[in-house]
Amino acid sequence: MSLSPNLSVMVKAVEKAARSLVRDFGEVEKLQVSVKGPGDFVSRADRRSEEIIVESLQKDRPEWGFLNEEGGTIAGSDSRYRFIVDPLDGTSNFLHGIPHWCITMALEKDGEIIAGVTYDPIRQELFRAEKGGGSFMNNTRMRVSGRKDLDRAVVALGTVLRSPADIQNFQNLWAKIFTNCAGVRQFAVAGLNLAYVAAGRFDINYMLGGVKQWDIAAGILLIREAGGTVTDLKLGTDMMNRGEIFAANPILHAKFQSLLLEKN
């Protein structure tokens, strides 16, 4: 299946960076690692992956800017367009030898996400979408789960815990979901969580906070183009700024919200 010019350059960049990451993953014990905060790491692999992506995209789209996880903002001469890049989503998994991580990237035009790519090099699964063009895993069209009942739904749950109150609230939420749904998963890779919702593997994704724009930008479009509903936790559309995201098929989205509003 042929790709649009924009998706082609995005896919080329992530596949090139993936080759470097896979090599580093095979020698993860030798990586130089620094700690940004509790459970928050950055390694040479992150930085090198980002360098490869930026270099590749600047060659093909030299006028466009960037919002990168490690390198921050790079202004372009054409301010309408911006790539949003997470060169290694799931760094902690990567550094512990857990084969669940990805590269995720989106393209914005005038503040709207118009293309997204999430690549899992270990499983060789490429999730991609373009506005109005559908959502695909490799060459297979994706649709969100068709389940309608919460007791059959698997929920991907994520948050950043900063205080004892955060921990208690998270435990209460976990208990409510576990009691009323088919299962709860916490894989700590926002990009893959959202791609899995688009693919119908997870029924619901609920991230309470702490996610960054580069974690979720591509996934927002993947889910929308797969027929899903994506909101912030207040049911608005400010996911990127609020650092939270709630995604499911339209029926489960409404039912899960009702469940959360129920008193214990």
C-alpha atoms as a PDB file:
ATOM      1  CA  MET A   1       0.000   0.000   0.000  1.00  0.00           C
ATOM      2  CA  SER A   2       1.493   3.337  -1.050  1.00  0.00           C
ATOM      3  CA  LEU A   3       1.921   6.087   1.536  1.00  0.00           C
ATOM      4  CA  SER A   4       1.350   9.793   1.157  1.00  0.00           C
ATOM      5  CA  PRO A   5       4.502  11.927   0.821  1.00  0.00           C
ATOM      6  CA  ASN A   6       4.277  13.122   4.431  1.00  0.00           C
ATOM      7  CA  LEU A   7       3.757   9.658   5.876  1.00  0.00           C
ATOM      8  CA  SER A   8       6.547   8.311   3.692  1.00  0.00           C
ATOM      9  CA  VAL A   9       9.126  10.691   5.161  1.00  0.00           C
ATOM     10  CA  MET A  10       7.855  10.049   8.695  1.00  0.00           C
ATOM     11  CA  VAL A  11       8.007   6.273   8.296  1.00  0.00           C
ATOM     12  CA  LYS A  12      11.487   6.479   6.778  1.00  0.00           C
ATOM     13  CA  ALA A  13      12.694   8.485   9.774  1.00  0.00           C
ATOM     14  CA  VAL A  14      11.278   6.183  12.441  1.00  0.00           C
ATOM     15  CA  GLU A  15      12.506   3.040  10.692  1.00  0.00           C
ATOM     16  CA  LYS A  16      16.012   4.486  10.484  1.00  0.00           C
ATOM     17  CA  ALA A  17      15.971   5.417  14.175  1.00  0.00           C
ATOM     18  CA  ALA A  18      14.546   2.006  15.054  1.00  0.00           C
ATOM     19  CA  ARG A  19      17.596   0.236  13.667  1.00  0.00           C
ATOM     20  CA  SER A  20      19.777   2.195  16.076  1.00  0.00           C
ATOM     21  CA  LEU A  21      17.452   1.492  19.016  1.00  0.00           C
ATOM     22  CA  VAL A  22      17.311  -2.231  18.314  1.00  0.00           C
ATOM     23  CA  ARG A  23      21.123  -2.365  18.340  1.00  0.00           C
ATOM     24  CA  ASP A  24      21.209  -0.469  21.630  1.00  0.00           C
ATOM     25  CA  PHE A  25      18.491  -2.692  23.096  1.00  0.00           C
ATOM     26  CA  GLY A  26      20.736  -5.681  22.427  1.00  0.00           C
ATOM     27  CA  GLU A  27      23.497  -4.045  24.493  1.00  0.00           C
ATOM     28  CA  VAL A  28      21.353  -2.221  27.019  1.00  0.00           C
ATOM     29  CA  GLU A  29      23.711  -2.937  29.925  1.00  0.00           C
ATOM     30  CA  LYS A  30      26.379  -0.779  28.255  1.00  0.00           C
ATOM     31  CA  LEU A  31      24.229   2.317  27.750  1.00  0.00           C
ATOM     32  CA  GLN A  32      25.055   5.567  29.485  1.00  0.00           C
ATOM     33  CA  VAL A  33      22.007   6.541  31.530  1.00  0.00           C
ATOM     34  CA  SER A  34      21.076   9.632  33.521  1.00  0.00           C
ATOM     35  CA  VAL A  35      18.129  10.134  35.858  1.00  0.00           C
ATOM     36  CA  LYS A  36      15.737  13.047  35.287  1.00  0.00           C
ATOM     37  CA  GLY A  37      13.448  12.175  38.195  1.00  0.00           C
ATOM     38  CA  PRO A  38      11.962   9.190  40.038  1.00  0.00           C
ATOM     39  CA  GLY A  39      11.438   6.482  37.425  1.00  0.00           C
ATOM     40  CA  ASP A  40      12.289   8.956  34.644  1.00  0.00           C
ATOM     41  CA  PHE A  41      15.416   8.142  32.667  1.00  0.00           C
ATOM     42  CA  VAL A  42      17.202   9.376  29.590  1.00  0.00           C
ATOM     43  CA  SER A  43      19.878   7.378  27.805  1.00  0.00           C
ATOM     44  CA  ARG A  44      22.240   7.699  24.915  1.00  0.00           C
ATOM     45  CA  ALA A  45      19.719   5.635  22.966  1.00  0.00           C
ATOM     46  CA  ASP A  46      17.025   8.325  23.361  1.00  0.00           C
ATOM     47  CA  ARG A  47      19.334  11.072  22.233  1.00  0.00           C
ATOM     48  CA  ARG A  48      20.730   9.180  19.270  1.00  0.00           C
ATOM     49  CA  SER A  49      17.255   8.149  18.112  1.00  0.00           C
ATOM     50  CA  GLU A  50      16.093  11.755  18.226  1.00  0.00           C
ATOM     51  CA  GLU A  51      19.168  12.946  16.331  1.00  0.00           C
ATOM     52  CA  ILE A  52      18.526  10.411  13.572  1.00  0.00           C
ATOM     53  CA  ILE A  53      14.861  11.385  13.275  1.00  0.00           C
ATOM     54  CA  VAL A  54      15.516  15.122  13.197  1.00  0.00           C
ATOM     55  CA  GLU A  55      18.315  14.742  10.669  1.00  0.00           C
ATOM     56  CA  SER A  56      16.151  12.601   8.391  1.00  0.00           C
ATOM     57  CA  LEU A  57      13.112  14.871   8.573  1.00  0.00           C
ATOM     58  CA  GLN A  58      15.105  18.069   8.139  1.00  0.00           C
ATOM     59  CA  LYS A  59      16.552  16.627   4.954  1.00  0.00           C
ATOM     60  CA  ASP A  60      13.072  15.950   3.533  1.00  0.00           C
ATOM     61  CA  ARG A  61      11.139  18.836   5.124  1.00  0.00           C
ATOM     62  CA  PRO A  62      13.758  21.524   5.896  1.00  0.00           C
ATOM     63  CA  GLU A  63      11.219  24.331   6.476  1.00  0.00           C
ATOM     64  CA  TRP A  64       9.243  22.579   9.213  1.00  0.00           C
ATOM     65  CA  GLY A  65       9.779  22.802  12.969  1.00  0.00           C
ATOM     66  CA  PHE A  66       9.918  20.278  15.806  1.00  0.00           C
ATOM     67  CA  LEU A  67       8.741  19.639  19.337  1.00  0.00           C
ATOM     68  CA  ASN A  68      11.051  16.915  20.633  1.00  0.00           C
ATOM     69  CA  GLU A  69      11.128  15.144  23.982  1.00  0.00           C
ATOM     70  CA  GLU A  70      14.859  15.498  24.503  1.00  0.00           C
ATOM     71  CA  GLY A  71      15.819  18.467  22.321  1.00  0.00           C
ATOM     72  CA  GLY A  72      12.816  20.687  22.923  1.00  0.00           C
ATOM     73  CA  THR A  73      11.505  23.092  20.293  1.00  0.00           C
ATOM     74  CA  ILE A  74      13.216  23.684  16.965  1.00  0.00           C
ATOM     75  CA  ALA A  75      11.683  26.539  14.991  1.00  0.00           C
ATOM     76  CA  GLY A  76      11.070  26.136  11.270  1.00  0.00           C
ATOM     77  CA  SER A  77      10.785  28.808   8.623  1.00  0.00           C
ATOM     78  CA  ASP A  78       7.258  27.569   7.866  1.00  0.00           C
ATOM     79  CA  SER A  79       5.493  27.967  11.204  1.00  0.00           C
ATOM     80  CA  ARG A  80       2.342  26.175  10.009  1.00  0.00           C
ATOM     81  CA  TYR A  81       3.964  22.755  10.282  1.00  0.00           C
ATOM     82  CA  ARG A  82       5.575  21.007  13.242  1.00  0.00           C
ATOM     83  CA  PHE A  83       6.715  17.442  13.932  1.00  0.00           C
ATOM     84  CA  ILE A  84       6.078  16.204  17.499  1.00  0.00           C
ATOM     85  CA  VAL A  85       8.566  13.442  18.311  1.00  0.00           C
ATOM     86  CA  ASP A  86       9.096  10.941  21.104  1.00  0.00           C
ATOM     87  CA  PRO A  87      12.233   9.068  20.013  1.00  0.00           C
ATOM     88  CA  LEU A  88      11.812   6.356  22.643  1.00  0.00           C
ATOM     89  CA  ASP A  89       8.527   5.972  24.489  1.00  0.00           C
ATOM     90  CA  GLY A  90       8.967   3.474  27.300  1.00  0.00           C
ATOM     91  CA  THR A  91      12.558   4.291  28.256  1.00  0.00           C
ATOM     92  CA  SER A  92      12.312   2.523  31.613  1.00  0.00           C
ATOM     93  CA  ASN A  93      11.096  -0.672  29.923  1.00  0.00           C
ATOM     94  CA  PHE A  94      13.896  -0.345  27.363  1.00  0.00           C
ATOM     95  CA  LEU A  95      16.586   0.064  30.026  1.00  0.00           C
ATOM     96  CA  HIS A  96      15.295  -2.937  31.970  1.00  0.00           C
ATOM     97  CA  GLY A  97      15.349  -5.165  28.893  1.00  0.00           C
ATOM     98  CA  ILE A  98      11.555  -5.317  28.642  1.00  0.00           C
ATOM     99  CA  PRO A  99      10.614  -5.547  24.945  1.00  0.00           C
ATOM    100  CA  HIS A 100       7.698  -3.120  25.126  1.00  0.00           C
ATOM    101  CA  TRP A 101       8.615   0.350  23.815  1.00  0.00           C
ATOM    102  CA  CYS A 102       8.147   2.367  20.660  1.00  0.00           C
ATOM    103  CA  ILE A 103       8.914   5.457  18.624  1.00  0.00           C
ATOM    104  CA  THR A 104       5.984   7.797  18.144  1.00  0.00           C
ATOM    105  CA  MET A 105       5.660  10.897  15.984  1.00  0.00           C
ATOM    106  CA  ALA A 106       2.923  13.243  14.798  1.00  0.00           C
ATOM    107  CA  LEU A 107       2.700  16.035  12.258  1.00  0.00           C
ATOM    108  CA  GLU A 108       0.790  19.204  13.103  1.00  0.00           C
ATOM    109  CA  LYS A 109      -0.493  21.775  10.657  1.00  0.00           C
ATOM    110  CA  ASP A 110      -1.780  25.013  12.162  1.00  0.00           C
ATOM    111  CA  GLY A 111      -2.128  23.283  15.522  1.00  0.00           C
ATOM    112  CA  GLU A 112      -4.102  20.305  14.181  1.00  0.00           C
ATOM    113  CA  ILE A 113      -2.688  16.775  14.040  1.00  0.00           C
ATOM    114  CA  ILE A 114      -2.818  15.638  10.412  1.00  0.00           C
ATOM    115  CA  ALA A 115      -0.569  12.547  10.460  1.00  0.00           C
ATOM    116  CA  GLY A 116       0.726  10.122  13.059  1.00  0.00           C
ATOM    117  CA  VAL A 117       3.091   7.164  13.244  1.00  0.00           C
ATOM    118  CA  THR A 118       3.832   4.802  16.134  1.00  0.00           C
ATOM    119  CA  TYR A 119       6.388   2.067  15.494  1.00  0.00           C
ATOM    120  CA  ASP A 120       7.131  -1.001  17.611  1.00  0.00           C
ATOM    121  CA  PRO A 121      10.420  -2.321  16.200  1.00  0.00           C
ATOM    122  CA  ILE A 122      10.444  -5.474  18.322  1.00  0.00           C
ATOM    123  CA  ARG A 123       7.128  -6.727  16.916  1.00  0.00           C
ATOM    124  CA  GLN A 124       7.639  -4.897  13.597  1.00  0.00           C
ATOM    125  CA  GLU A 125       4.235  -3.266  13.932  1.00  0.00           C
ATOM    126  CA  LEU A 126       3.810   0.119  12.279  1.00  0.00           C
ATOM    127  CA  PHE A 127       0.690   2.014  13.330  1.00  0.00           C
ATOM    128  CA  ARG A 128      -0.107   4.990  11.096  1.00  0.00           C
ATOM    129  CA  ALA A 129      -2.892   7.384  10.290  1.00  0.00           C
ATOM    130  CA  GLU A 130      -3.551  10.468   8.252  1.00  0.00           C
ATOM    131  CA  LYS A 131      -6.486  12.808   8.717  1.00  0.00           C
ATOM    132  CA  GLY A 132      -9.371  11.535   6.606  1.00  0.00           C
ATOM    133  CA  GLY A 133      -7.386   8.538   5.396  1.00  0.00           C
ATOM    134  CA  GLY A 134      -8.085   5.906   8.034  1.00  0.00           C
ATOM    135  CA  SER A 135      -5.878   4.160  10.545  1.00  0.00           C
ATOM    136  CA  PHE A 136      -3.658   1.169   9.756  1.00  0.00           C
ATOM    137  CA  MET A 137      -1.341  -1.368  11.386  1.00  0.00           C
ATOM    138  CA  ASN A 138       1.145  -2.293   8.682  1.00  0.00           C
ATOM    139  CA  ASN A 139      -1.273  -2.696   5.752  1.00  0.00           C
ATOM    140  CA  THR A 140      -4.339  -3.737   7.752  1.00  0.00           C
ATOM    141  CA  ARG A 141      -7.122  -1.239   8.423  1.00  0.00           C
ATOM    142  CA  MET A 142      -7.718  -0.709  12.134  1.00  0.00           C
ATOM    143  CA  ARG A 143     -10.979  -0.231  13.990  1.00  0.00           C
ATOM    144  CA  VAL A 144     -11.496   0.331  17.694  1.00  0.00           C
ATOM    145  CA  SER A 145     -13.049  -2.466  19.723  1.00  0.00           C
ATOM    146  CA  GLY A 146     -16.712  -3.148  19.120  1.00  0.00           C
ATOM    147  CA  ARG A 147     -17.397  -4.263  22.681  1.00  0.00           C
ATOM    148  CA  LYS A 148     -20.307  -2.553  24.411  1.00  0.00           C
ATOM    149  CA  ASP A 149     -20.205  -3.921  27.960  1.00  0.00           C
ATOM    150  CA  LEU A 150     -17.803  -2.794  30.662  1.00  0.00           C
ATOM    151  CA  ASP A 151     -17.572  -6.262  32.170  1.00  0.00           C
ATOM    152  CA  ARG A 152     -15.953  -7.419  28.909  1.00  0.00           C
ATOM    153  CA  ALA A 153     -13.651  -4.418  28.531  1.00  0.00           C
ATOM    154  CA  VAL A 154      -9.901  -4.375  29.183  1.00  0.00           C
ATOM    155  CA  VAL A 155      -8.698  -0.986  30.437  1.00  0.00           C
ATOM    156  CA  ALA A 156      -5.197   0.420  29.983  1.00  0.00           C
ATOM    157  CA  LEU A 157      -4.523   2.676  32.947  1.00  0.00           C
ATOM    158  CA  GLY A 158      -1.729   5.159  33.475  1.00  0.00           C
ATOM    159  CA  THR A 159      -0.698   8.011  35.722  1.00  0.00           C
ATOM    160  CA  VAL A 160       2.219   9.767  37.361  1.00  0.00           C
ATOM    161  CA  LEU A 161       2.138   9.375  41.142  1.00  0.00           C
ATOM    162  CA  ARG A 162       3.649  12.359  42.968  1.00  0.00           C
ATOM    163  CA  SER A 163       2.147  12.217  46.448  1.00  0.00           C
ATOM    164  CA  PRO A 164       0.480   9.855  48.940  1.00  0.00           C
ATOM    165  CA  ALA A 165      -2.871  11.330  47.889  1.00  0.00           C
ATOM    166  CA  ASP A 166      -2.136  10.448  44.266  1.00  0.00           C
ATOM    167  CA  ILE A 167      -1.365   6.893  45.297  1.00  0.00           C
ATOM    168  CA  GLN A 168      -4.578   6.567  47.307  1.00  0.00           C
ATOM    169  CA  ASN A 169      -6.718   7.988  44.511  1.00  0.00           C
ATOM    170  CA  PHE A 170      -5.085   5.658  42.025  1.00  0.00           C
ATOM    171  CA  GLN A 171      -5.689   2.641  44.262  1.00  0.00           C
ATOM    172  CA  ASN A 172      -9.364   3.574  44.596  1.00  0.00           C
ATOM    173  CA  LEU A 173      -9.693   3.987  40.836  1.00  0.00           C
ATOM    174  CA  TRP A 174      -7.923   0.684  40.177  1.00  0.00           C
ATOM    175  CA  ALA A 175     -10.278  -1.126  42.571  1.00  0.00           C
ATOM    176  CA  LYS A 176     -13.382   0.346  40.917  1.00  0.00           C
ATOM    177  CA  ILE A 177     -12.213  -0.555  37.425  1.00  0.00           C
ATOM    178  CA  PHE A 178     -11.009  -4.028  38.417  1.00  0.00           C
ATOM    179  CA  THR A 179     -14.368  -4.756  40.050  1.00  0.00           C
ATOM    180  CA  ASN A 180     -16.455  -3.646  37.077  1.00  0.00           C
ATOM    181  CA  CYS A 181     -14.313  -4.439  34.014  1.00  0.00           C
ATOM    182  CA  ALA A 182     -12.641  -7.502  32.532  1.00  0.00           C
ATOM    183  CA  GLY A 183      -9.136  -6.420  33.458  1.00  0.00           C
ATOM    184  CA  VAL A 184      -6.656  -3.611  34.000  1.00  0.00           C
ATOM    185  CA  ARG A 185      -3.288  -3.225  32.279  1.00  0.00           C
ATOM    186  CA  GLN A 186      -0.493  -0.803  33.137  1.00  0.00           C
ATOM    187  CA  PHE A 187       2.262  -1.091  30.540  1.00  0.00           C
ATOM    188  CA  ALA A 188       3.804   2.382  30.987  1.00  0.00           C
ATOM    189  CA  VAL A 189       4.051   3.140  27.259  1.00  0.00           C
ATOM    190  CA  ALA A 190       1.444   5.731  26.321  1.00  0.00           C
ATOM    191  CA  GLY A 191       2.156   5.509  22.593  1.00  0.00           C
ATOM    192  CA  LEU A 192       1.492   1.774  22.436  1.00  0.00           C
ATOM    193  CA  ASN A 193      -1.510   2.003  24.767  1.00  0.00           C
ATOM    194  CA  LEU A 194      -3.202   4.373  22.328  1.00  0.00           C
ATOM    195  CA  ALA A 195      -2.166   2.368  19.274  1.00  0.00           C
ATOM    196  CA  TYR A 196      -3.644  -0.731  20.910  1.00  0.00           C
ATOM    197  CA  VAL A 197      -6.947   1.060  21.463  1.00  0.00           C
ATOM    198  CA  ALA A 198      -6.992   1.982  17.775  1.00  0.00           C
ATOM    199  CA  ALA A 199      -6.291  -1.665  16.914  1.00  0.00           C
ATOM    200  CA  GLY A 200      -9.066  -2.951  19.202  1.00  0.00           C
ATOM    201  CA  ARG A 201      -6.637  -4.706  21.551  1.00  0.00           C
ATOM    202  CA  PHE A 202      -7.437  -2.469  24.508  1.00  0.00           C
ATOM    203  CA  ASP A 203     -11.036  -1.352  24.868  1.00  0.00           C
ATOM    204  CA  ILE A 204     -10.366   1.737  26.976  1.00  0.00           C
ATOM    205  CA  ASN A 205      -7.331   3.879  27.711  1.00  0.00           C
ATOM    206  CA  TYR A 206      -7.444   6.171  30.737  1.00  0.00           C
ATOM    207  CA  MET A 207      -4.391   8.267  31.648  1.00  0.00           C
ATOM    208  CA  LEU A 208      -4.896  10.499  34.650  1.00  0.00           C
ATOM    209  CA  GLY A 209      -2.062  12.933  34.054  1.00  0.00           C
ATOM    210  CA  GLY A 210       1.616  13.424  33.513  1.00  0.00           C
ATOM    211  CA  VAL A 211       1.680  12.512  29.830  1.00  0.00           C
ATOM    212  CA  LYS A 212       3.370  14.890  27.420  1.00  0.00           C
ATOM    213  CA  GLN A 213       2.327  16.056  23.983  1.00  0.00           C
ATOM    214  CA  TRP A 214       4.852  13.786  22.280  1.00  0.00           C
ATOM    215  CA  ASP A 215       3.445  10.770  24.183  1.00  0.00           C
ATOM    216  CA  ILE A 216      -0.084  11.115  22.820  1.00  0.00           C
ATOM    217  CA  ALA A 217      -0.111  13.240  19.653  1.00  0.00           C
ATOM    218  CA  ALA A 218       0.091  10.359  17.181  1.00  0.00           C
ATOM    219  CA  GLY A 219      -2.271   8.184  19.221  1.00  0.00           C
ATOM    220  CA  ILE A 220      -5.008  10.806  19.181  1.00  0.00           C
ATOM    221  CA  LEU A 221      -5.193  10.625  15.405  1.00  0.00           C
ATOM    222  CA  LEU A 222      -4.791   6.839  15.288  1.00  0.00           C
ATOM    223  CA  ILE A 223      -7.874   6.430  17.478  1.00  0.00           C
ATOM    224  CA  ARG A 224      -9.985   9.072  15.766  1.00  0.00           C
ATOM    225  CA  GLU A 225      -9.291   7.546  12.356  1.00  0.00           C
ATOM    226  CA  ALA A 226     -10.132   4.104  13.766  1.00  0.00           C
ATOM    227  CA  GLY A 227     -13.592   5.316  14.851  1.00  0.00           C
ATOM    228  CA  GLY A 228     -12.867   5.980  18.503  1.00  0.00           C
ATOM    229  CA  THR A 229     -13.660   8.827  20.879  1.00  0.00           C
ATOM    230  CA  VAL A 230     -10.720  10.711  22.417  1.00  0.00           C
ATOM    231  CA  THR A 231     -11.122  13.372  25.125  1.00  0.00           C
ATOM    232  CA  ASP A 232      -9.417  14.770  28.177  1.00  0.00           C
ATOM    233  CA  LEU A 233     -10.789  13.657  31.532  1.00  0.00           C
ATOM    234  CA  LYS A 234     -13.311  16.504  31.548  1.00  0.00           C
ATOM    235  CA  LEU A 235     -14.607  15.253  28.172  1.00  0.00           C
ATOM    236  CA  GLY A 236     -13.058  18.182  26.346  1.00  0.00           C
ATOM    237  CA  THR A 237     -10.421  18.149  23.632  1.00  0.00           C
ATOM    238  CA  ASP A 238      -7.475  19.737  25.456  1.00  0.00           C
ATOM    239  CA  MET A 239      -5.564  16.471  25.885  1.00  0.00           C
ATOM    240  CA  MET A 240      -2.266  17.893  24.670  1.00  0.00           C
ATOM    241  CA  ASN A 241      -2.156  20.750  27.181  1.00  0.00           C
ATOM    242  CA  ARG A 242      -3.794  18.990  30.114  1.00  0.00           C
ATOM    243  CA  GLY A 243      -1.502  15.947  29.901  1.00  0.00           C
ATOM    244  CA  GLU A 244      -4.351  13.446  30.224  1.00  0.00           C
ATOM    245  CA  ILE A 245      -6.331  11.315  27.833  1.00  0.00           C
ATOM    246  CA  PHE A 246      -9.429   9.112  27.793  1.00  0.00           C
ATOM    247  CA  ALA A 247     -10.117   6.960  24.741  1.00  0.00           C
ATOM    248  CA  ALA A 248     -12.538   4.194  23.799  1.00  0.00           C
ATOM    249  CA  ASN A 249     -15.272   3.404  21.328  1.00  0.00           C
ATOM    250  CA  PRO A 250     -18.185   5.859  21.737  1.00  0.00           C
ATOM    251  CA  ILE A 251     -20.383   3.448  23.716  1.00  0.00           C
ATOM    252  CA  LEU A 252     -17.716   2.375  26.197  1.00  0.00           C
ATOM    253  CA  HIS A 253     -16.485   5.941  26.522  1.00  0.00           C
ATOM    254  CA  ALA A 254     -19.903   7.001  27.816  1.00  0.00           C
ATOM    255  CA  LYS A 255     -20.358   3.932  30.049  1.00  0.00           C
ATOM    256  CA  PHE A 256     -16.904   4.231  31.591  1.00  0.00           C
ATOM    257  CA  GLN A 257     -17.508   7.887  32.372  1.00  0.00           C
ATOM    258  CA  SER A 258     -20.757   6.956  34.112  1.00  0.00           C
ATOM    259  CA  LEU A 259     -18.920   4.316  36.132  1.00  0.00           C
ATOM    260  CA  LEU A 260     -16.344   6.842  37.306  1.00  0.00           C
ATOM    261  CA  LEU A 261     -19.092   9.215  38.433  1.00  0.00           C
ATOM    262  CA  GLU A 262     -20.730   6.561  40.604  1.00  0.00           C
ATOM    263  CA  LYS A 263     -20.089   6.911  44.314  1.00  0.00           C
ATOM    264  CA  ASN A 264     -18.280   4.032  45.985  1.00  0.00           C
END
